[in-house]
């Protein structure tokens, strides 16, 4: 199903995290097993959401970054390589160890960051570390209409 309307990102980080949890619960076919990691503000070790996806035997984690196209303190508010590195470093301490870390963001696609994540993955592969995937808002807008329950939940809320 192609969405007949434009899908905008949530205005706050709480709604973005709830949407991410619901969407990946469907993508990984674990709508009831996926959960938030710890309380917000506590030591989450770079992981906001975690679960063992269907047909897997290892943990996958998601770090949510709700970013807007506005300025913060006079500078553009966007996802950076430094932020990605910081979250990856924290996720290395998540236990049990992760198989994959997804960085989900409401920011638009950024080819430089995609390339950077691909390079990180080559390094992680060589060192036996988890895979990293970056999912921009474009990914959400493609996936939300594929899952009717998520689509209806998002637009009814």
Protein backbone atom coordinates (compact mmCIF):
# COMPACT_ATOMS: atom_id res chain seq x y z
CA UNK A 1 0.00 0.00 0.00
CA UNK A 2 1.31 3.43 -0.88
CA UNK A 3 0.42 6.12 1.62
CA UNK A 4 -2.07 8.60 0.13
CA UNK A 5 -0.80 11.33 2.43
CA UNK A 6 2.59 12.69 3.39
CA UNK A 7 3.89 11.20 6.61
CA UNK A 8 5.53 13.68 8.96
CA UNK A 9 7.80 12.76 11.87
CA UNK A 10 6.53 13.07 15.44
CA UNK A 11 7.12 16.39 17.17
CA UNK A 12 8.71 14.93 20.29
CA UNK A 13 11.19 12.20 21.13
CA UNK A 14 8.69 10.18 23.20
CA UNK A 15 6.31 9.75 20.26
CA UNK A 16 9.22 9.01 17.94
CA UNK A 17 10.41 6.23 20.26
CA UNK A 18 6.89 4.76 20.51
CA UNK A 19 6.52 4.80 16.73
CA UNK A 20 9.94 3.17 16.34
CA UNK A 21 9.06 0.46 18.86
CA UNK A 22 5.75 -0.32 17.11
CA UNK A 23 7.26 -0.28 13.61
CA UNK A 24 10.23 -2.52 14.39
CA UNK A 25 7.99 -4.80 16.43
CA UNK A 26 6.18 -5.46 13.16
CA UNK A 27 9.30 -5.53 10.98
CA UNK A 28 10.94 -8.08 13.29
CA UNK A 29 7.61 -9.90 13.85
CA UNK A 30 7.78 -9.50 17.64
CA UNK A 31 5.04 -6.95 18.42
CA UNK A 32 4.76 -8.07 22.04
CA UNK A 33 8.37 -9.01 22.81
CA UNK A 34 10.08 -5.77 21.79
CA UNK A 35 10.60 -3.32 24.66
CA UNK A 36 12.14 -0.07 25.82
CA UNK A 37 15.50 -0.36 27.50
CA UNK A 38 15.45 1.01 31.03
CA UNK A 39 13.98 4.35 32.00
CA UNK A 40 14.69 7.44 29.98
CA UNK A 41 17.68 9.26 31.41
CA UNK A 42 19.17 6.19 33.03
CA UNK A 43 22.16 4.25 31.72
CA UNK A 44 20.77 2.77 28.51
CA UNK A 45 24.17 1.93 27.02
CA UNK A 46 23.28 3.38 23.62
CA UNK A 47 20.11 1.32 23.22
CA UNK A 48 16.59 2.75 23.54
CA UNK A 49 14.74 -0.34 22.27
CA UNK A 50 15.77 -3.99 22.17
CA UNK A 51 14.54 -7.49 21.40
CA UNK A 52 15.42 -10.80 19.83
CA UNK A 53 13.76 -10.71 16.37
CA UNK A 54 11.76 -13.70 15.20
CA UNK A 55 14.00 -16.55 13.99
CA UNK A 56 17.06 -14.98 15.66
CA UNK A 57 18.92 -16.03 18.80
CA UNK A 58 20.70 -12.75 19.52
CA UNK A 59 19.74 -9.25 20.57
CA UNK A 60 19.15 -6.34 18.22
CA UNK A 61 19.02 -2.76 19.52
CA UNK A 62 17.72 0.58 18.32
CA UNK A 63 18.97 4.03 19.24
CA UNK A 64 16.38 6.72 18.44
CA UNK A 65 17.40 10.19 17.37
CA UNK A 66 14.42 12.48 16.74
CA UNK A 67 16.01 15.34 14.84
CA UNK A 68 14.30 18.37 13.38
CA UNK A 69 15.23 20.66 10.54
CA UNK A 70 15.47 23.67 12.83
CA UNK A 71 18.38 25.41 14.46
CA UNK A 72 19.47 24.71 17.99
CA UNK A 73 21.69 27.30 19.64
CA UNK A 74 22.13 28.95 16.24
CA UNK A 75 23.42 25.78 14.55
CA UNK A 76 21.55 23.22 12.42
CA UNK A 77 20.25 20.36 14.56
CA UNK A 78 21.18 17.18 12.73
CA UNK A 79 22.75 13.81 13.17
CA UNK A 80 26.55 13.81 13.00
CA UNK A 81 29.34 11.26 12.72
CA UNK A 82 30.38 12.17 16.26
CA UNK A 83 26.89 11.36 17.55
CA UNK A 84 26.90 8.04 15.69
CA UNK A 85 30.34 7.19 17.13
CA UNK A 86 29.20 8.11 20.65
CA UNK A 87 26.12 5.88 20.45
CA UNK A 88 28.09 2.98 18.94
CA UNK A 89 30.67 3.21 21.73
CA UNK A 90 27.93 3.13 24.37
CA UNK A 91 26.21 0.18 22.64
CA UNK A 92 29.41 -1.86 22.89
CA UNK A 93 28.63 -2.10 26.63
CA UNK A 94 25.05 -3.38 26.18
CA UNK A 95 24.61 -6.87 27.62
CA UNK A 96 24.05 -9.43 26.31
CA UNK A 97 26.02 -8.13 23.35
CA UNK A 98 24.20 -6.94 20.27
CA UNK A 99 24.15 -8.51 16.83
CA UNK A 100 22.88 -5.28 15.29
CA UNK A 101 22.39 -1.65 16.25
CA UNK A 102 19.94 0.46 14.30
CA UNK A 103 20.20 4.21 14.52
CA UNK A 104 16.71 5.48 13.74
CA UNK A 105 16.34 9.17 13.02
CA UNK A 106 13.61 11.53 11.88
CA UNK A 107 16.20 13.48 9.90
CA UNK A 108 16.24 13.25 6.08
CA UNK A 109 18.62 11.00 4.18
CA UNK A 110 22.29 11.92 4.31
CA UNK A 111 24.58 10.13 1.86
CA UNK A 112 27.73 11.03 3.80
CA UNK A 113 26.35 9.43 6.96
CA UNK A 114 25.24 6.34 5.03
CA UNK A 115 28.76 5.98 3.63
CA UNK A 116 30.22 6.49 7.09
CA UNK A 117 28.04 3.73 8.55
CA UNK A 118 29.08 1.37 5.75
CA UNK A 119 32.73 2.04 6.65
CA UNK A 120 31.96 1.46 10.34
CA UNK A 121 30.42 -1.88 9.40
CA UNK A 122 33.57 -3.02 7.58
CA UNK A 123 35.61 -2.19 10.68
CA UNK A 124 33.09 -3.95 12.94
CA UNK A 125 33.11 -7.03 10.70
CA UNK A 126 36.89 -7.27 10.94
CA UNK A 127 36.72 -6.92 14.73
CA UNK A 128 33.77 -9.21 15.46
CA UNK A 129 31.45 -6.38 16.51
CA UNK A 130 27.75 -5.77 15.81
CA UNK A 131 26.41 -4.49 12.51
CA UNK A 132 25.12 -0.92 12.32
CA UNK A 133 22.26 0.31 10.17
CA UNK A 134 21.07 3.89 9.88
CA UNK A 135 17.39 4.46 9.11
CA UNK A 136 16.39 7.97 8.14
CA UNK A 137 12.80 9.27 8.09
CA UNK A 138 12.57 8.21 4.42
CA UNK A 139 12.80 4.59 5.62
CA UNK A 140 9.93 5.17 8.06
CA UNK A 141 7.74 6.69 5.34
CA UNK A 142 8.34 3.65 3.12
CA UNK A 143 7.75 1.12 5.90
CA UNK A 144 4.81 2.60 7.85
CA UNK A 145 2.27 1.97 5.03
CA UNK A 146 3.45 -1.68 4.78
CA UNK A 147 2.15 -2.39 8.30
CA UNK A 148 -1.53 -1.55 8.56
CA UNK A 149 -1.65 -1.69 12.37
CA UNK A 150 1.27 0.76 12.67
CA UNK A 151 -0.16 3.01 9.97
CA UNK A 152 -3.57 3.17 11.64
CA UNK A 153 -2.06 3.63 15.11
CA UNK A 154 0.13 6.49 13.94
CA UNK A 155 -2.58 8.40 12.13
CA UNK A 156 -5.25 7.82 14.78
CA UNK A 157 -2.90 9.13 17.47
